[in-house]
Amino acid sequence: MIAVAPVTAGPPRVAYAVGRATGGAVVRNRVRRRLRAAVRDVSAMLRPGHAYLVSVRPGARDLTQSEMKNAIGEILGELHREPRR
């Protein structure tokens, strides 16, 4: 899940929420590092002046790096898609 909120001007800000259900500290930190890398790969989709919260479920530890990147890219695409009229 990714939540987004407009904030003041400036670069996009990203925070990560990886709960204890994901695993021990080593597993959670590994997932967090992989999330940061995936977000960095799709950083062109982040809007300046917005804050993002990336929250994952325990199954995220089993995703490959490309699956994680694709999932984040799809979610960001949906978040910033213009509403249909």
PDB file of N, CA and C in Angstrom:
ATOM      1  N   MET A   1       0.842  -1.163   0.000  1.00  0.00           N
ATOM      2  CA  MET A   1       0.000   0.000   0.000  1.00  0.00           C
ATOM      3  C   MET A   1       0.893   1.234   0.000  1.00  0.00           C
ATOM      4  N   ILE A   2       0.462   2.222  -0.750  1.00  0.00           N
ATOM      5  CA  ILE A   2       1.180   3.496  -0.776  1.00  0.00           C
ATOM      6  C   ILE A   2       0.164   4.598  -0.537  1.00  0.00           C
ATOM      7  N   ALA A   3       0.417   5.434   0.437  1.00  0.00           N
ATOM      8  CA  ALA A   3      -0.411   6.605   0.700  1.00  0.00           C
ATOM      9  C   ALA A   3       0.380   7.825   0.255  1.00  0.00           C
ATOM     10  N   VAL A   4      -0.345   8.829  -0.238  1.00  0.00           N
ATOM     11  CA  VAL A   4       0.328  10.030  -0.724  1.00  0.00           C
ATOM     12  C   VAL A   4      -0.420  11.252  -0.215  1.00  0.00           C
ATOM     13  N   ALA A   5       0.330  12.296   0.115  1.00  0.00           N
ATOM     14  CA  ALA A   5      -0.259  13.550   0.562  1.00  0.00           C
ATOM     15  C   ALA A   5       0.579  14.702   0.029  1.00  0.00           C
ATOM     16  N   PRO A   6      -0.091  15.746  -0.502  1.00  0.00           N
ATOM     17  CA  PRO A   6       0.675  16.913  -0.940  1.00  0.00           C
ATOM     18  C   PRO A   6       1.223  17.656   0.274  1.00  0.00           C
ATOM     19  N   VAL A   7       2.444  18.109   0.176  1.00  0.00           N
ATOM     20  CA  VAL A   7       3.080  18.898   1.244  1.00  0.00           C
ATOM     21  C   VAL A   7       3.639  20.152   0.608  1.00  0.00           C
ATOM     22  N   THR A   8       4.488  20.844   1.305  1.00  0.00           N
ATOM     23  CA  THR A   8       5.070  22.065   0.765  1.00  0.00           C
ATOM     24  C   THR A   8       5.966  21.747  -0.428  1.00  0.00           C
ATOM     25  N   ALA A   9       6.387  22.774  -1.095  1.00  0.00           N
ATOM     26  CA  ALA A   9       7.271  22.600  -2.245  1.00  0.00           C
ATOM     27  C   ALA A   9       8.565  21.932  -1.813  1.00  0.00           C
ATOM     28  N   GLY A  10       9.171  21.263  -2.736  1.00  0.00           N
ATOM     29  CA  GLY A  10      10.437  20.593  -2.457  1.00  0.00           C
ATOM     30  C   GLY A  10      10.427  19.216  -3.086  1.00  0.00           C
ATOM     31  N   PRO A  11      11.469  18.464  -2.845  1.00  0.00           N
ATOM     32  CA  PRO A  11      11.545  17.127  -3.437  1.00  0.00           C
ATOM     33  C   PRO A  11      10.522  16.189  -2.795  1.00  0.00           C
ATOM     34  N   PRO A  12      10.185  15.097  -3.475  1.00  0.00           N
ATOM     35  CA  PRO A  12       9.270  14.128  -2.865  1.00  0.00           C
ATOM     36  C   PRO A  12       9.925  13.478  -1.658  1.00  0.00           C
ATOM     37  N   ARG A  13       9.097  13.180  -0.646  1.00  0.00           N
ATOM     38  CA  ARG A  13       9.593  12.511   0.548  1.00  0.00           C
ATOM     39  C   ARG A  13       8.935  11.137   0.629  1.00  0.00           C
ATOM     40  N   VAL A  14       9.700  10.141   1.018  1.00  0.00           N
ATOM     41  CA  VAL A  14       9.192   8.774   1.093  1.00  0.00           C
ATOM     42  C   VAL A  14       9.542   8.192   2.457  1.00  0.00           C
ATOM     43  N   ALA A  15       8.532   7.584   3.111  1.00  0.00           N
ATOM     44  CA  ALA A  15       8.731   6.883   4.378  1.00  0.00           C
ATOM     45  C   ALA A  15       8.306   5.431   4.172  1.00  0.00           C
ATOM     46  N   TYR A  16       8.873   4.538   4.954  1.00  0.00           N
ATOM     47  CA  TYR A  16       8.615   3.106   4.803  1.00  0.00           C
ATOM     48  C   TYR A  16       8.118   2.534   6.123  1.00  0.00           C
ATOM     49  N   ALA A  17       7.066   1.706   6.060  1.00  0.00           N
ATOM     50  CA  ALA A  17       6.525   1.039   7.241  1.00  0.00           C
ATOM     51  C   ALA A  17       6.600  -0.466   7.013  1.00  0.00           C
ATOM     52  N   VAL A  18       7.470  -1.109   7.769  1.00  0.00           N
ATOM     53  CA  VAL A  18       7.647  -2.562   7.672  1.00  0.00           C
ATOM     54  C   VAL A  18       7.417  -3.114   9.076  1.00  0.00           C
ATOM     55  N   GLY A  19       6.270  -3.760   9.276  1.00  0.00           N
ATOM     56  CA  GLY A  19       5.894  -4.229  10.598  1.00  0.00           C
ATOM     57  C   GLY A  19       6.617  -5.483  11.046  1.00  0.00           C
ATOM     58  N   ARG A  20       6.487  -5.784  12.338  1.00  0.00           N
ATOM     59  CA  ARG A  20       7.144  -6.953  12.918  1.00  0.00           C
ATOM     60  C   ARG A  20       6.655  -8.267  12.332  1.00  0.00           C
ATOM     61  N   ALA A  21       5.431  -8.273  11.818  1.00  0.00           N
ATOM     62  CA  ALA A  21       4.907  -9.505  11.222  1.00  0.00           C
ATOM     63  C   ALA A  21       5.721  -9.928  10.002  1.00  0.00           C
ATOM     64  N   THR A  22       6.472  -8.987   9.428  1.00  0.00           N
ATOM     65  CA  THR A  22       7.305  -9.293   8.261  1.00  0.00           C
ATOM     66  C   THR A  22       8.463 -10.200   8.632  1.00  0.00           C
ATOM     67  N   GLY A  23       8.938 -10.102   9.866  1.00  0.00           N
ATOM     68  CA  GLY A  23      10.049 -10.932  10.325  1.00  0.00           C
ATOM     69  C   GLY A  23      10.871 -10.210  11.370  1.00  0.00           C
ATOM     70  N   GLY A  24      11.999 -10.780  11.690  1.00  0.00           N
ATOM     71  CA  GLY A  24      12.907 -10.172  12.662  1.00  0.00           C
ATOM     72  C   GLY A  24      13.538  -8.909  12.117  1.00  0.00           C
ATOM     73  N   ALA A  25      14.354  -8.271  12.939  1.00  0.00           N
ATOM     74  CA  ALA A  25      14.966  -6.997  12.565  1.00  0.00           C
ATOM     75  C   ALA A  25      15.788  -7.107  11.283  1.00  0.00           C
ATOM     76  N   VAL A  26      16.510  -8.199  11.128  1.00  0.00           N
ATOM     77  CA  VAL A  26      17.349  -8.373   9.940  1.00  0.00           C
ATOM     78  C   VAL A  26      16.476  -8.451   8.684  1.00  0.00           C
ATOM     79  N   VAL A  27      15.389  -9.198   8.751  1.00  0.00           N
ATOM     80  CA  VAL A  27      14.476  -9.348   7.605  1.00  0.00           C
ATOM     81  C   VAL A  27      13.797  -8.012   7.306  1.00  0.00           C
ATOM     82  N   ARG A  28      13.316  -7.325   8.347  1.00  0.00           N
ATOM     83  CA  ARG A  28      12.643  -6.036   8.133  1.00  0.00           C
ATOM     84  C   ARG A  28      13.584  -5.015   7.500  1.00  0.00           C
ATOM     85  N   ASN A  29      14.828  -4.966   7.972  1.00  0.00           N
ATOM     86  CA  ASN A  29      15.786  -4.024   7.383  1.00  0.00           C
ATOM     87  C   ASN A  29      16.129  -4.383   5.950  1.00  0.00           C
ATOM     88  N   ARG A  30      16.208  -5.678   5.649  1.00  0.00           N
ATOM     89  CA  ARG A  30      16.465  -6.105   4.273  1.00  0.00           C
ATOM     90  C   ARG A  30      15.314  -5.686   3.365  1.00  0.00           C
ATOM     91  N   VAL A  31      14.078  -5.895   3.819  1.00  0.00           N
ATOM     92  CA  VAL A  31      12.898  -5.488   3.036  1.00  0.00           C
ATOM     93  C   VAL A  31      12.914  -3.973   2.839  1.00  0.00           C
ATOM     94  N   ARG A  32      13.231  -3.225   3.879  1.00  0.00           N
ATOM     95  CA  ARG A  32      13.279  -1.762   3.782  1.00  0.00           C
ATOM     96  C   ARG A  32      14.338  -1.313   2.769  1.00  0.00           C
ATOM     97  N   ARG A  33      15.506  -1.929   2.785  1.00  0.00           N
ATOM     98  CA  ARG A  33      16.550  -1.587   1.794  1.00  0.00           C
ATOM     99  C   ARG A  33      16.088  -1.896   0.381  1.00  0.00           C
ATOM    100  N   ARG A  34      15.429  -3.036   0.219  1.00  0.00           N
ATOM    101  CA  ARG A  34      14.939  -3.413  -1.113  1.00  0.00           C
ATOM    102  C   ARG A  34      13.832  -2.467  -1.576  1.00  0.00           C
ATOM    103  N   LEU A  35      12.979  -2.014  -0.644  1.00  0.00           N
ATOM    104  CA  LEU A  35      11.940  -1.035  -0.985  1.00  0.00           C
ATOM    105  C   LEU A  35      12.574   0.279  -1.441  1.00  0.00           C
ATOM    106  N   ARG A  36      13.588   0.740  -0.710  1.00  0.00           N
ATOM    107  CA  ARG A  36      14.258   1.985  -1.100  1.00  0.00           C
ATOM    108  C   ARG A  36      14.849   1.869  -2.499  1.00  0.00           C
ATOM    109  N   ALA A  37      15.437   0.726  -2.808  1.00  0.00           N
ATOM    110  CA  ALA A  37      16.013   0.529  -4.146  1.00  0.00           C
ATOM    111  C   ALA A  37      14.915   0.513  -5.206  1.00  0.00           C
ATOM    112  N   ALA A  38      13.795  -0.123  -4.912  1.00  0.00           N
ATOM    113  CA  ALA A  38      12.689  -0.189  -5.876  1.00  0.00           C
ATOM    114  C   ALA A  38      12.097   1.198  -6.111  1.00  0.00           C
ATOM    115  N   VAL A  39      11.935   1.973  -5.045  1.00  0.00           N
ATOM    116  CA  VAL A  39      11.408   3.331  -5.197  1.00  0.00           C
ATOM    117  C   VAL A  39      12.399   4.189  -5.974  1.00  0.00           C
ATOM    118  N   ARG A  40      13.685   4.011  -5.725  1.00  0.00           N
ATOM    119  CA  ARG A  40      14.708   4.758  -6.467  1.00  0.00           C
ATOM    120  C   ARG A  40      14.610   4.450  -7.964  1.00  0.00           C
ATOM    121  N   ASP A  41      14.295   3.198  -8.314  1.00  0.00           N
ATOM    122  CA  ASP A  41      14.178   2.811  -9.724  1.00  0.00           C
ATOM    123  C   ASP A  41      12.988   3.475 -10.410  1.00  0.00           C
ATOM    124  N   VAL A  42      11.943   3.790  -9.657  1.00  0.00           N
ATOM    125  CA  VAL A  42      10.744   4.412 -10.248  1.00  0.00           C
ATOM    126  C   VAL A  42      10.592   5.855  -9.772  1.00  0.00           C
ATOM    127  N   SER A  43      11.679   6.470  -9.347  1.00  0.00           N
ATOM    128  CA  SER A  43      11.623   7.811  -8.758  1.00  0.00           C
ATOM    129  C   SER A  43      11.087   8.868  -9.721  1.00  0.00           C
ATOM    130  N   ALA A  44      11.156   8.634 -11.009  1.00  0.00           N
ATOM    131  CA  ALA A  44      10.617   9.593 -11.978  1.00  0.00           C
ATOM    132  C   ALA A  44       9.101   9.730 -11.828  1.00  0.00           C
ATOM    133  N   MET A  45       8.458   8.732 -11.219  1.00  0.00           N
ATOM    134  CA  MET A  45       7.007   8.761 -11.037  1.00  0.00           C
ATOM    135  C   MET A  45       6.594   9.538  -9.782  1.00  0.00           C
ATOM    136  N   LEU A  46       7.547   9.873  -8.926  1.00  0.00           N
ATOM    137  CA  LEU A  46       7.241  10.606  -7.702  1.00  0.00           C
ATOM    138  C   LEU A  46       7.091  12.086  -8.020  1.00  0.00           C
ATOM    139  N   ARG A  47       6.079  12.703  -7.444  1.00  0.00           N
ATOM    140  CA  ARG A  47       5.831  14.121  -7.714  1.00  0.00           C
ATOM    141  C   ARG A  47       6.517  15.001  -6.670  1.00  0.00           C
ATOM    142  N   PRO A  48       7.177  16.057  -7.130  1.00  0.00           N
ATOM    143  CA  PRO A  48       7.789  16.988  -6.183  1.00  0.00           C
ATOM    144  C   PRO A  48       6.714  17.577  -5.257  1.00  0.00           C
ATOM    145  N   GLY A  49       7.081  17.806  -4.008  1.00  0.00           N
ATOM    146  CA  GLY A  49       6.150  18.412  -3.075  1.00  0.00           C
ATOM    147  C   GLY A  49       5.143  17.442  -2.477  1.00  0.00           C
ATOM    148  N   HIS A  50       5.315  16.140  -2.704  1.00  0.00           N
ATOM    149  CA  HIS A  50       4.409  15.137  -2.148  1.00  0.00           C
ATOM    150  C   HIS A  50       5.165  14.246  -1.164  1.00  0.00           C
ATOM    151  N   ALA A  51       4.426  13.730  -0.190  1.00  0.00           N
ATOM    152  CA  ALA A  51       4.992  12.783   0.769  1.00  0.00           C
ATOM    153  C   ALA A  51       4.327  11.434   0.542  1.00  0.00           C
ATOM    154  N   TYR A  52       5.097  10.368   0.537  1.00  0.00           N
ATOM    155  CA  TYR A  52       4.605   9.016   0.282  1.00  0.00           C
ATOM    156  C   TYR A  52       4.910   8.131   1.478  1.00  0.00           C
ATOM    157  N   LEU A  53       3.976   7.247   1.801  1.00  0.00           N
ATOM    158  CA  LEU A  53       4.196   6.240   2.825  1.00  0.00           C
ATOM    159  C   LEU A  53       4.039   4.874   2.163  1.00  0.00           C
ATOM    160  N   VAL A  54       5.103   4.097   2.138  1.00  0.00           N
ATOM    161  CA  VAL A  54       5.091   2.762   1.549  1.00  0.00           C
ATOM    162  C   VAL A  54       4.974   1.763   2.700  1.00  0.00           C
ATOM    163  N   SER A  55       3.859   1.056   2.735  1.00  0.00           N
ATOM    164  CA  SER A  55       3.595   0.074   3.786  1.00  0.00           C
ATOM    165  C   SER A  55       3.464  -1.295   3.136  1.00  0.00           C
ATOM    166  N   VAL A  56       4.065  -2.305   3.740  1.00  0.00           N
ATOM    167  CA  VAL A  56       4.045  -3.637   3.134  1.00  0.00           C
ATOM    168  C   VAL A  56       3.428  -4.662   4.070  1.00  0.00           C
ATOM    169  N   ARG A  57       2.981  -5.734   3.475  1.00  0.00           N
ATOM    170  CA  ARG A  57       2.471  -6.877   4.216  1.00  0.00           C
ATOM    171  C   ARG A  57       3.603  -7.882   4.393  1.00  0.00           C
ATOM    172  N   PRO A  58       3.411  -8.854   5.288  1.00  0.00           N
ATOM    173  CA  PRO A  58       4.483  -9.826   5.539  1.00  0.00           C
ATOM    174  C   PRO A  58       4.977 -10.559   4.288  1.00  0.00           C
ATOM    175  N   GLY A  59       4.127 -10.766   3.292  1.00  0.00           N
ATOM    176  CA  GLY A  59       4.539 -11.471   2.085  1.00  0.00           C
ATOM    177  C   GLY A  59       5.559 -10.727   1.246  1.00  0.00           C
ATOM    178  N   ALA A  60       5.797  -9.451   1.536  1.00  0.00           N
ATOM    179  CA  ALA A  60       6.757  -8.659   0.756  1.00  0.00           C
ATOM    180  C   ALA A  60       8.161  -9.234   0.838  1.00  0.00           C
ATOM    181  N   ARG A  61       8.454  -9.938   1.910  1.00  0.00           N
ATOM    182  CA  ARG A  61       9.809 -10.496   2.055  1.00  0.00           C
ATOM    183  C   ARG A  61      10.097 -11.559   1.010  1.00  0.00           C
ATOM    184  N   ASP A  62       9.045 -12.133   0.398  1.00  0.00           N
ATOM    185  CA  ASP A  62       9.211 -13.195  -0.592  1.00  0.00           C
ATOM    186  C   ASP A  62       9.232 -12.694  -2.031  1.00  0.00           C
ATOM    187  N   LEU A  63       9.013 -11.391  -2.236  1.00  0.00           N
ATOM    188  CA  LEU A  63       9.002 -10.844  -3.595  1.00  0.00           C
ATOM    189  C   LEU A  63      10.425 -10.689  -4.127  1.00  0.00           C
ATOM    190  N   THR A  64      10.564 -10.889  -5.435  1.00  0.00           N
ATOM    191  CA  THR A  64      11.846 -10.587  -6.064  1.00  0.00           C
ATOM    192  C   THR A  64      11.960  -9.070  -6.208  1.00  0.00           C
ATOM    193  N   GLN A  65      13.149  -8.593  -6.479  1.00  0.00           N
ATOM    194  CA  GLN A  65      13.345  -7.151  -6.623  1.00  0.00           C
ATOM    195  C   GLN A  65      12.531  -6.597  -7.785  1.00  0.00           C
ATOM    196  N   SER A  66      12.467  -7.321  -8.890  1.00  0.00           N
ATOM    197  CA  SER A  66      11.700  -6.825 -10.039  1.00  0.00           C
ATOM    198  C   SER A  66      10.202  -6.846  -9.750  1.00  0.00           C
ATOM    199  N   GLU A  67       9.720  -7.839  -9.005  1.00  0.00           N
ATOM    200  CA  GLU A  67       8.300  -7.866  -8.630  1.00  0.00           C
ATOM    201  C   GLU A  67       7.962  -6.685  -7.727  1.00  0.00           C
ATOM    202  N   MET A  68       8.855  -6.376  -6.806  1.00  0.00           N
ATOM    203  CA  MET A  68       8.636  -5.250  -5.907  1.00  0.00           C
ATOM    204  C   MET A  68       8.617  -3.934  -6.681  1.00  0.00           C
ATOM    205  N   LYS A  69       9.566  -3.775  -7.594  1.00  0.00           N
ATOM    206  CA  LYS A  69       9.633  -2.555  -8.404  1.00  0.00           C
ATOM    207  C   LYS A  69       8.388  -2.409  -9.268  1.00  0.00           C
ATOM    208  N   ASN A  70       7.952  -3.504  -9.898  1.00  0.00           N
ATOM    209  CA  ASN A  70       6.754  -3.457 -10.744  1.00  0.00           C
ATOM    210  C   ASN A  70       5.511  -3.116  -9.933  1.00  0.00           C
ATOM    211  N   ALA A  71       5.373  -3.696  -8.747  1.00  0.00           N
ATOM    212  CA  ALA A  71       4.211  -3.422  -7.901  1.00  0.00           C
ATOM    213  C   ALA A  71       4.174  -1.949  -7.494  1.00  0.00           C
ATOM    214  N   ILE A  72       5.316  -1.411  -7.090  1.00  0.00           N
ATOM    215  CA  ILE A  72       5.365  -0.008  -6.690  1.00  0.00           C
ATOM    216  C   ILE A  72       5.068   0.893  -7.887  1.00  0.00           C
ATOM    217  N   GLY A  73       5.614   0.562  -9.048  1.00  0.00           N
ATOM    218  CA  GLY A  73       5.341   1.342 -10.256  1.00  0.00           C
ATOM    219  C   GLY A  73       3.872   1.340 -10.630  1.00  0.00           C
ATOM    220  N   GLU A  74       3.218   0.184 -10.529  1.00  0.00           N
ATOM    221  CA  GLU A  74       1.787   0.096 -10.841  1.00  0.00           C
ATOM    222  C   GLU A  74       0.962   0.937  -9.876  1.00  0.00           C
ATOM    223  N   ILE A  75       1.283   0.843  -8.597  1.00  0.00           N
ATOM    224  CA  ILE A  75       0.529   1.597  -7.592  1.00  0.00           C
ATOM    225  C   ILE A  75       0.710   3.097  -7.800  1.00  0.00           C
ATOM    226  N   LEU A  76       1.939   3.532  -8.047  1.00  0.00           N
ATOM    227  CA  LEU A  76       2.173   4.952  -8.291  1.00  0.00           C
ATOM    228  C   LEU A  76       1.442   5.422  -9.541  1.00  0.00           C
ATOM    229  N   GLY A  77       1.404   4.580 -10.578  1.00  0.00           N
ATOM    230  CA  GLY A  77       0.676   4.924 -11.782  1.00  0.00           C
ATOM    231  C   GLY A  77      -0.803   5.125 -11.510  1.00  0.00           C
ATOM    232  N   GLU A  78      -1.388   4.261 -10.682  1.00  0.00           N
ATOM    233  CA  GLU A  78      -2.795   4.402 -10.325  1.00  0.00           C
ATOM    234  C   GLU A  78      -3.039   5.646  -9.474  1.00  0.00           C
ATOM    235  N   LEU A  79      -2.140   5.938  -8.564  1.00  0.00           N
ATOM    236  CA  LEU A  79      -2.300   7.102  -7.689  1.00  0.00           C
ATOM    237  C   LEU A  79      -2.313   8.404  -8.484  1.00  0.00           C
ATOM    238  N   HIS A  80      -1.481   8.489  -9.494  1.00  0.00           N
ATOM    239  CA  HIS A  80      -1.343   9.754 -10.232  1.00  0.00           C
ATOM    240  C   HIS A  80      -2.129   9.785 -11.542  1.00  0.00           C
ATOM    241  N   ARG A  81      -2.912   8.747 -11.786  1.00  0.00           N
ATOM    242  CA  ARG A  81      -3.729   8.730 -13.012  1.00  0.00           C
ATOM    243  C   ARG A  81      -4.828   9.766 -12.883  1.00  0.00           C
ATOM    244  N   GLU A  82      -5.072  10.473 -13.968  1.00  0.00           N
ATOM    245  CA  GLU A  82      -6.148  11.470 -14.000  1.00  0.00           C
ATOM    246  C   GLU A  82      -7.489  10.761 -13.887  1.00  0.00           C
ATOM    247  N   PRO A  83      -8.422  11.287 -13.084  1.00  0.00           N
ATOM    248  CA  PRO A  83      -9.748  10.662 -12.960  1.00  0.00           C
ATOM    249  C   PRO A  83     -10.509  10.752 -14.282  1.00  0.00           C
ATOM    250  N   ARG A  84     -11.236   9.682 -14.583  1.00  0.00           N
ATOM    251  CA  ARG A  84     -12.030   9.673 -15.817  1.00  0.00           C
ATOM    252  C   ARG A  84     -13.357  10.387 -15.561  1.00  0.00           C
ATOM    253  N   ARG A  85     -13.852  11.035 -16.590  1.00  0.00           N
ATOM    254  CA  ARG A  85     -15.122  11.771 -16.451  1.00  0.00           C
ATOM    255  C   ARG A  85     -16.185  11.125 -17.265  1.00  0.00           C
TER     256      ARG A  85
END
